Protein backbone atom coordinates (compact mmCIF):
# COMPACT_ATOMS: atom_id res chain seq x y z
CA MET A 1 -52.06 5.50 18.12
CA ILE A 2 -52.43 8.13 15.38
CA ASP A 3 -49.22 9.76 14.23
CA ASP A 4 -48.99 13.50 13.69
CA GLY A 5 -48.02 13.29 10.02
CA ARG A 6 -44.31 13.90 10.62
CA TRP A 7 -41.58 11.38 9.94
CA VAL A 8 -37.88 11.88 10.61
CA ILE A 9 -35.47 9.59 8.81
CA LYS A 10 -31.96 9.40 10.21
CA THR A 11 -29.22 7.46 8.52
CA SER A 12 -25.47 7.46 8.11
CA LYS A 13 -23.10 6.21 5.47
CA THR A 14 -19.42 5.52 5.82
CA VAL A 15 -17.46 7.17 3.02
CA GLU A 16 -14.10 5.63 2.27
CA TYR A 17 -11.91 6.18 -0.77
CA GLU A 18 -8.24 5.83 -1.46
CA VAL A 19 -5.49 7.73 -3.20
CA VAL A 20 -2.80 5.32 -4.36
CA GLU A 21 0.66 6.14 -5.65
CA ALA A 22 1.26 3.71 -8.51
CA ALA A 23 4.43 4.14 -10.53
CA ASP A 24 4.70 2.89 -14.12
CA LEU A 25 0.92 2.80 -14.36
CA LEU A 26 0.79 2.15 -18.13
CA ASN A 27 2.99 -0.93 -17.99
CA PRO A 28 0.70 -3.86 -18.95
CA GLU A 29 2.31 -5.88 -16.15
CA ASN A 30 0.92 -3.39 -13.64
CA PRO A 31 -2.69 -4.41 -12.82
CA GLU A 32 -3.69 -1.20 -11.03
CA LEU A 33 -5.25 0.68 -13.94
CA SER A 34 -7.52 -2.17 -15.06
CA GLY A 35 -8.52 -3.17 -11.54
CA VAL A 36 -12.02 -2.71 -10.16
CA PRO A 37 -12.50 -1.56 -6.54
CA GLY A 38 -14.30 -4.18 -4.48
CA GLN A 39 -13.41 -6.96 -6.91
CA LEU A 40 -16.80 -6.74 -8.64
CA ALA A 41 -15.38 -6.83 -12.14
CA GLY A 42 -17.92 -7.36 -14.88
CA THR A 43 -17.51 -8.67 -18.39
CA GLY A 44 -18.59 -5.62 -20.38
CA PRO A 45 -16.35 -2.89 -21.77
CA ARG A 46 -15.32 0.02 -19.60
CA LEU A 47 -15.36 3.60 -20.80
CA VAL A 48 -11.94 5.26 -20.65
CA ILE A 49 -12.28 9.04 -20.83
CA LEU A 50 -9.19 10.94 -21.96
CA ASP A 51 -8.47 14.59 -22.52
CA GLN A 52 -6.93 15.66 -25.81
CA ALA A 53 -3.59 16.47 -24.24
CA ILE A 54 -3.04 13.06 -22.67
CA ASP A 55 -4.46 11.28 -25.73
CA GLY A 56 -1.91 13.05 -27.90
CA LEU A 57 0.95 12.21 -25.55
CA CYS A 58 0.24 8.61 -24.65
CA GLY A 59 -3.13 7.60 -26.08
CA GLY A 60 -1.53 4.76 -28.02
CA GLN A 61 0.17 3.45 -24.88
CA ILE A 62 -3.09 3.60 -22.93
CA ARG A 63 -4.97 1.68 -25.63
CA HIS A 64 -2.17 -0.91 -25.79
CA TYR A 65 -2.36 -1.37 -22.02
CA PHE A 66 -5.99 -2.47 -22.09
CA SER A 67 -5.50 -4.57 -25.20
CA ALA A 68 -2.46 -6.33 -23.72
CA ARG A 69 -4.31 -7.09 -20.49
CA GLY A 70 -7.38 -8.36 -22.34
CA SER A 71 -9.56 -5.72 -20.70
CA PRO A 72 -12.40 -4.56 -23.00
CA ALA A 73 -12.44 -0.77 -23.22
CA ASP A 74 -14.10 1.96 -25.21
CA PHE A 75 -12.43 5.36 -25.49
CA LEU A 76 -13.83 8.87 -25.46
CA THR A 77 -11.60 11.93 -25.91
CA LEU A 78 -12.72 15.30 -24.56
CA PRO A 79 -11.22 18.73 -25.29
CA THR A 80 -8.71 20.25 -22.89
CA GLY A 81 -9.21 23.64 -21.24
CA ASP A 82 -11.45 25.17 -18.60
CA GLU A 83 -13.78 26.60 -21.24
CA HIS A 84 -14.76 22.98 -22.01
CA LYS A 85 -15.83 22.21 -18.43
CA THR A 86 -19.48 22.25 -19.47
CA LEU A 87 -22.75 20.43 -18.96
CA ASP A 88 -22.74 19.51 -22.66
CA ASN A 89 -19.57 17.49 -22.15
CA VAL A 90 -21.04 15.83 -19.06
CA LEU A 91 -23.97 14.71 -21.18
CA GLN A 92 -21.59 13.46 -23.87
CA VAL A 93 -20.02 11.16 -21.27
CA THR A 94 -23.38 9.94 -19.94
CA SER A 95 -24.52 9.23 -23.49
CA ARG A 96 -21.50 7.03 -24.10
CA LEU A 97 -22.02 5.26 -20.76
CA ASN A 98 -25.59 4.60 -21.83
CA THR A 99 -24.52 3.25 -25.21
CA LEU A 100 -22.08 0.86 -23.53
CA GLY A 101 -24.63 -0.24 -20.95
CA THR A 102 -22.29 0.59 -18.08
CA SER A 103 -23.40 -1.27 -14.95
CA ARG A 104 -24.09 0.10 -11.49
CA LEU A 105 -20.89 -1.30 -9.96
CA SER A 106 -18.84 -3.71 -12.02
CA THR A 107 -17.66 -1.69 -15.05
CA PRO A 108 -16.62 1.69 -13.57
CA PRO A 109 -15.37 4.24 -16.11
CA ILE A 110 -11.81 5.53 -15.88
CA ALA A 111 -10.95 9.22 -16.28
CA ILE A 112 -7.35 9.89 -17.38
CA GLY A 113 -6.24 13.48 -17.77
CA GLY A 114 -6.26 16.90 -16.18
CA GLY A 115 -8.73 18.59 -13.88
CA VAL A 116 -11.31 19.39 -16.56
CA VAL A 117 -11.78 15.79 -17.65
CA GLN A 118 -11.79 14.69 -14.00
CA ASP A 119 -14.57 17.14 -13.15
CA VAL A 120 -16.64 16.30 -16.23
CA ALA A 121 -16.25 12.53 -15.85
CA GLY A 122 -16.86 12.69 -12.11
CA MET A 123 -20.06 14.66 -12.51
CA ALA A 124 -21.26 12.32 -15.26
CA ALA A 125 -20.60 9.30 -13.01
CA SER A 126 -22.47 10.95 -10.14
CA LEU A 127 -25.56 11.43 -12.32
CA TYR A 128 -25.63 8.23 -14.38
CA ARG A 129 -27.96 5.66 -12.76
CA ARG A 130 -28.05 8.09 -9.78
CA GLY A 131 -24.38 7.45 -9.22
CA ILE A 132 -21.81 4.86 -10.24
CA PRO A 133 -18.19 4.41 -9.11
CA TYR A 134 -15.38 5.62 -11.34
CA ILE A 135 -11.60 5.65 -11.27
CA ARG A 136 -9.67 8.92 -11.29
CA VAL A 137 -6.21 9.08 -12.90
CA PRO A 138 -5.06 12.71 -12.76
CA THR A 139 -2.14 13.47 -15.06
CA THR A 140 -1.45 17.11 -14.10
CA LEU A 141 0.27 18.29 -10.97
CA LEU A 142 -2.82 20.27 -9.99
CA GLY A 143 -4.94 17.17 -10.32
CA GLN A 144 -2.50 14.96 -8.44
CA ILE A 145 -1.93 17.12 -5.37
CA ASP A 146 -5.28 18.89 -5.06
CA GLY A 147 -8.13 17.34 -7.04
CA SER A 148 -7.00 13.81 -6.19
CA VAL A 149 -8.13 14.16 -2.59
CA SER A 150 -11.35 16.10 -3.14
CA ALA A 151 -14.83 14.63 -3.16
CA LYS A 152 -16.08 17.42 -5.41
CA ASN A 153 -16.69 17.68 -9.11
CA GLY A 154 -18.37 20.41 -11.10
CA VAL A 155 -18.76 22.33 -14.31
CA ASN A 156 -18.88 26.01 -15.14
CA TYR A 157 -22.33 27.40 -15.80
CA GLU A 158 -23.59 30.77 -17.04
CA GLY A 159 -20.18 32.37 -16.51
CA HIS A 160 -19.69 31.03 -12.99
CA ARG A 161 -16.93 28.63 -12.02
CA ASN A 162 -18.14 25.22 -10.76
CA ARG A 163 -21.71 26.48 -10.36
CA LEU A 164 -23.12 22.99 -11.02
CA GLY A 165 -21.61 19.96 -9.34
CA THR A 166 -21.85 17.21 -6.75
CA PHE A 167 -19.89 15.72 -3.87
CA THR A 168 -19.06 12.26 -5.22
CA PRO A 169 -15.58 10.88 -4.54
CA PRO A 170 -14.40 7.95 -6.66
CA PRO A 171 -13.44 4.86 -4.67
CA ARG A 172 -9.91 5.02 -6.05
CA THR A 173 -7.54 7.63 -7.43
CA LEU A 174 -4.25 6.50 -8.97
CA ILE A 175 -1.24 8.80 -8.87
CA ASP A 176 1.72 8.25 -11.20
CA ARG A 177 4.26 11.07 -10.87
CA GLY A 178 5.77 9.92 -14.16
CA PHE A 179 2.92 11.60 -16.06
CA LEU A 180 4.30 14.97 -14.94
CA ALA A 181 7.46 14.45 -16.98
CA THR A 182 5.42 15.06 -20.14
CA LEU A 183 3.93 18.38 -19.01
CA PRO A 184 5.00 21.85 -20.13
CA GLU A 185 6.62 23.91 -17.40
CA ARG A 186 3.63 26.22 -17.21
CA GLN A 187 1.42 23.35 -16.09
CA ILE A 188 3.90 22.42 -13.38
CA SER A 189 4.05 26.01 -12.16
CA SER A 190 0.26 26.18 -12.06
CA GLY A 191 0.08 23.03 -9.97
CA LEU A 192 2.70 24.38 -7.59
CA GLY A 193 0.39 27.36 -7.03
CA GLU A 194 -1.96 25.01 -5.17
CA ALA A 195 0.95 23.46 -3.26
CA LEU A 196 1.97 26.98 -2.24
CA LYS A 197 -1.55 27.67 -0.94
CA LEU A 198 -1.41 24.65 1.34
CA ALA A 199 2.13 25.44 2.47
CA LEU A 200 1.17 28.99 3.46
CA VAL A 201 -1.84 28.02 5.55
CA LYS A 202 -0.53 24.98 7.39
CA ASP A 203 2.87 23.59 6.37
CA PRO A 204 5.99 25.74 6.86
CA GLN A 205 8.10 22.69 5.98
CA LEU A 206 6.50 22.46 2.57
CA PHE A 207 6.90 26.20 2.11
CA ALA A 208 10.62 25.84 2.86
CA VAL A 209 10.91 23.16 0.14
CA LEU A 210 9.13 25.37 -2.40
CA GLU A 211 11.21 28.37 -1.38
CA LYS A 212 14.50 26.49 -1.72
CA TYR A 213 13.82 24.21 -4.69
CA GLY A 214 11.24 26.10 -6.76
CA PRO A 215 13.25 26.29 -10.02
CA TYR A 216 14.34 22.63 -9.68
CA LEU A 217 10.75 21.48 -9.16
CA VAL A 218 9.63 23.27 -12.32
CA ALA A 219 12.57 22.34 -14.55
CA GLU A 220 12.62 18.70 -13.43
CA ARG A 221 8.82 18.40 -13.23
CA LEU A 222 9.07 16.91 -9.73
CA GLN A 223 11.04 13.94 -11.09
CA ASP A 224 14.08 14.48 -8.80
CA SER A 225 16.34 13.88 -11.78
CA SER A 226 19.51 15.81 -10.89
CA PRO A 227 22.19 14.64 -8.43
CA LYS A 228 21.08 17.18 -5.84
CA THR A 229 17.38 16.49 -6.09
CA MET A 230 17.83 12.73 -6.34
CA THR A 231 19.44 12.90 -2.90
CA GLU A 232 17.10 15.42 -1.27
CA GLN A 233 13.93 14.45 -3.22
CA PRO A 234 12.04 17.76 -3.12
CA GLY A 235 9.65 16.50 -5.82
CA ARG A 236 8.61 13.48 -3.80
CA ILE A 237 8.38 15.55 -0.61
CA THR A 238 6.23 18.19 -2.32
CA MET A 239 3.88 15.57 -3.70
CA HIS A 240 3.51 13.64 -0.46
CA ARG A 241 3.16 16.62 1.87
CA ALA A 242 0.63 18.32 -0.39
CA ILE A 243 -1.57 15.23 -0.70
CA ALA A 244 -1.30 14.38 3.01
CA GLY A 245 -2.07 17.96 4.02
CA MET A 246 -5.14 18.18 1.79
CA ALA A 247 -6.37 14.78 2.96
CA LYS A 248 -6.12 15.82 6.61
CA GLU A 249 -8.02 19.06 6.01
CA LEU A 250 -10.76 17.59 3.83
CA GLN A 251 -11.39 14.47 5.89
CA LYS A 252 -12.78 16.45 8.83
CA ASN A 253 -15.09 18.56 6.64
CA LEU A 254 -15.58 16.60 3.42
CA TRP A 255 -19.05 17.94 2.63
CA GLU A 256 -18.10 21.53 3.52
CA THR A 257 -20.79 21.83 6.19
CA ASP A 258 -18.35 24.14 7.98
CA LEU A 259 -17.56 27.04 5.64
CA GLN A 260 -14.48 28.08 7.62
CA ARG A 261 -11.91 26.23 5.51
CA ILE A 262 -8.26 27.20 5.50
CA VAL A 263 -7.87 25.44 2.14
CA ASP A 264 -10.03 28.19 0.65
CA TYR A 265 -7.03 30.49 1.00
CA GLY A 266 -6.22 31.81 -2.45
CA HIS A 267 -9.80 31.13 -3.53
CA THR A 268 -11.61 34.26 -2.37
CA PHE A 269 -10.92 36.53 -5.36
CA SER A 270 -9.42 34.08 -7.86
CA PRO A 271 -12.59 32.20 -9.00
CA PHE A 272 -14.17 35.39 -10.37
CA ILE A 273 -10.88 36.71 -11.77
CA GLU A 274 -10.05 33.39 -13.41
CA MET A 275 -13.41 33.20 -15.17
CA LYS A 276 -13.18 36.84 -16.26
CA ALA A 277 -9.71 36.23 -17.71
CA LEU A 278 -10.54 32.84 -19.24
CA PRO A 279 -8.65 31.32 -21.02
CA GLU A 280 -5.66 33.56 -20.23
CA LEU A 281 -5.05 32.36 -16.67
CA LEU A 282 -4.66 28.78 -15.52
CA HIS A 283 -6.27 27.87 -12.21
CA GLY A 284 -3.06 27.65 -10.19
CA GLU A 285 -1.83 30.94 -11.67
CA ALA A 286 -4.94 32.76 -10.46
CA VAL A 287 -4.70 31.04 -7.06
CA ALA A 288 -1.08 32.14 -6.60
CA MET A 289 -2.04 35.75 -7.39
CA ASP A 290 -4.85 35.51 -4.84
CA CYS A 291 -2.32 34.16 -2.32
CA VAL A 292 -0.18 37.27 -2.90
CA PHE A 293 -3.18 39.61 -2.73
CA SER A 294 -4.37 38.00 0.50
CA ALA A 295 -0.84 38.16 1.93
CA ILE A 296 -0.88 41.90 1.24
CA LEU A 297 -4.18 42.15 3.13
CA ALA A 298 -2.54 40.33 6.05
CA LYS A 299 0.46 42.68 5.91
CA GLN A 300 -1.89 45.68 5.99
CA ARG A 301 -3.40 44.30 9.21
CA ARG A 302 0.05 43.68 10.65
CA LEU A 303 -0.52 39.95 10.74
CA LEU A 304 2.34 39.29 8.32
CA SER A 305 5.72 40.98 8.26
CA GLU A 306 7.08 42.74 5.20
CA ALA A 307 9.91 40.19 5.13
CA ASP A 308 7.46 37.27 5.05
CA LEU A 309 5.37 39.01 2.39
CA TYR A 310 8.45 39.15 0.17
CA ARG A 311 9.22 35.51 0.94
CA VAL A 312 5.78 34.69 -0.45
CA ILE A 313 6.28 36.86 -3.55
CA ASN A 314 9.78 35.54 -4.21
CA THR A 315 8.58 31.95 -3.89
CA VAL A 316 5.71 32.61 -6.31
CA GLU A 317 8.25 33.88 -8.83
CA SER A 318 10.69 31.03 -8.16
CA ILE A 319 8.05 28.46 -9.12
CA GLY A 320 7.51 30.29 -12.40
CA LEU A 321 4.38 32.28 -11.59
CA ARG A 322 3.52 35.96 -11.81
CA PRO A 323 2.49 37.63 -8.56
CA SER A 324 -0.06 39.94 -10.18
CA HIS A 325 -2.36 40.58 -13.12
CA PRO A 326 -4.28 43.69 -14.26
CA LEU A 327 -7.54 42.24 -12.91
CA PHE A 328 -5.98 42.06 -9.44
CA THR A 329 -5.46 45.81 -9.67
CA ASP A 330 -9.05 46.48 -10.78
CA GLU A 331 -10.94 47.55 -7.66
CA GLN A 332 -14.33 47.03 -9.25
CA ALA A 333 -13.46 43.49 -10.34
CA LEU A 334 -12.08 42.67 -6.90
CA THR A 335 -15.21 44.02 -5.20
CA LEU A 336 -17.43 41.94 -7.47
CA ALA A 337 -15.22 38.92 -6.79
CA LEU A 338 -15.66 39.32 -3.05
CA GLU A 339 -19.42 39.76 -3.45
CA GLU A 340 -19.61 36.56 -5.50
CA THR A 341 -17.59 34.61 -2.94
CA THR A 342 -19.63 36.05 -0.06
CA HIS A 343 -22.81 34.70 -1.69
CA HIS A 344 -21.11 31.30 -2.06
CA ARG A 345 -20.16 31.36 1.64
CA ASN A 346 -23.72 31.86 2.84
CA ASN A 347 -23.47 35.67 2.86
CA GLN A 348 -20.33 35.75 4.98
CA GLN A 349 -16.86 36.78 3.86
CA ILE A 350 -15.01 34.08 5.88
CA ILE A 351 -11.69 35.20 4.39
CA THR A 352 -8.60 33.24 5.38
CA LEU A 353 -5.66 35.52 6.16
CA LEU A 354 -2.14 34.52 7.11
CA ASP A 355 -1.09 35.11 10.70
CA GLY A 356 2.51 34.40 9.83
CA ILE A 357 3.54 31.62 7.44
CA GLY A 358 1.78 28.41 8.39
CA GLN A 359 -0.87 30.04 10.61
CA THR A 360 -4.23 31.57 9.73
CA ILE A 361 -7.20 33.51 11.02
CA PHE A 362 -10.64 34.12 9.52
CA VAL A 363 -12.04 37.61 9.02
CA ASN A 364 -15.50 38.87 8.13
CA ASP A 365 -14.86 42.60 8.12
CA LEU A 366 -12.71 43.29 5.06
CA THR A 367 -13.35 46.84 3.87
CA GLN A 368 -13.28 48.58 0.53
CA PRO A 369 -10.30 50.79 1.52
CA GLU A 370 -8.31 47.64 2.34
CA ILE A 371 -9.10 46.18 -1.08
CA SER A 372 -8.13 49.46 -2.77
CA ALA A 373 -4.82 49.64 -0.92
CA ALA A 374 -3.97 46.03 -1.76
CA ALA A 375 -4.89 46.59 -5.42
CA CYS A 376 -2.50 49.54 -5.48
CA ARG A 377 0.27 47.32 -4.14
CA MET A 378 -0.51 44.71 -6.80
CA ARG A 379 0.03 47.40 -9.45
CA ASP A 380 3.59 47.78 -8.22
CA PHE A 381 4.33 44.13 -9.06
CA ILE A 382 3.05 44.55 -12.59
CA ALA A 383 5.21 47.66 -13.00
CA THR A 384 8.21 45.68 -11.75
CA GLU A 385 7.54 42.91 -14.31
CA THR A 386 7.44 45.36 -17.23
CA SER A 387 10.35 47.59 -16.17
């Protein structure tokens, strides 16, 4: 029988990866950091990729860990900051992997640091030898509660945030909340901006924790170090609920084949604004402002009460974030931001709006007058800050 020159290949692949809470990770008696998923450990050195911030804080301790455990390692330090999330730095990592002769499976690199180094290292691992496993050790709150669960990595390209990237989850991510104790408060606040996003769209319990304990979470860096927080553990609760919530949402749509994603709340206008303001705004800061802007849109449609809108704004401020920025009052910038996001969402707006705290709807009919009215309201918050 002669075929018709058409072949259809169907296959499936089970994707499984773990996020592990591992306290005291840099203690040489703790084997987690030097372990290899699947027990395929090789004999060659492993590349440990650090960002400048974590290298300055505990680079010596990290190097001692591998030395004390007799685990051969080579170290590469990358600059910190979103402006360094570039293809050039991805290639710097792949070059070092090549020099070391990193194997397909048995000497996976380890990325220790914030979201930028995680994205760069993850993309490099996804490209090297068409993809090798790597270990993710996020040291920022943003990385621990948001990036830790994601399968995505990416770099900025030609002025666009995460324009180049892949879906390649590492087999293991290690979370040590102790790293947060070394962070400046601004980094904690930025990370809490992503926790707030998740709380608003699906977890009123988490929102209540942020609303009640915001200043404690920032000042104590989620360490639960005062008598009150040691008992009630808002830091631990915030961490666990945020990770569990993200895992539940991403697991059912890991490759984003369905573009209706409630976790995109706070990410409609902020990607464009963040890049335009770079390096002034941190990611979580821009997300929190987008959360406020989108809450105003919901209020304008009578989906959210004025009282709940102010609960959102007050919680943003209690976790150390500003509710607005001049770019969120710039109608032209906001319009361009929506156009950019619409292109990314296959020419649909698919905007997540709150239908009360913890509930959402999707809309595709946002109008220019609505954007203008919300921008005007955002101006009021800037005026309040400066008065």
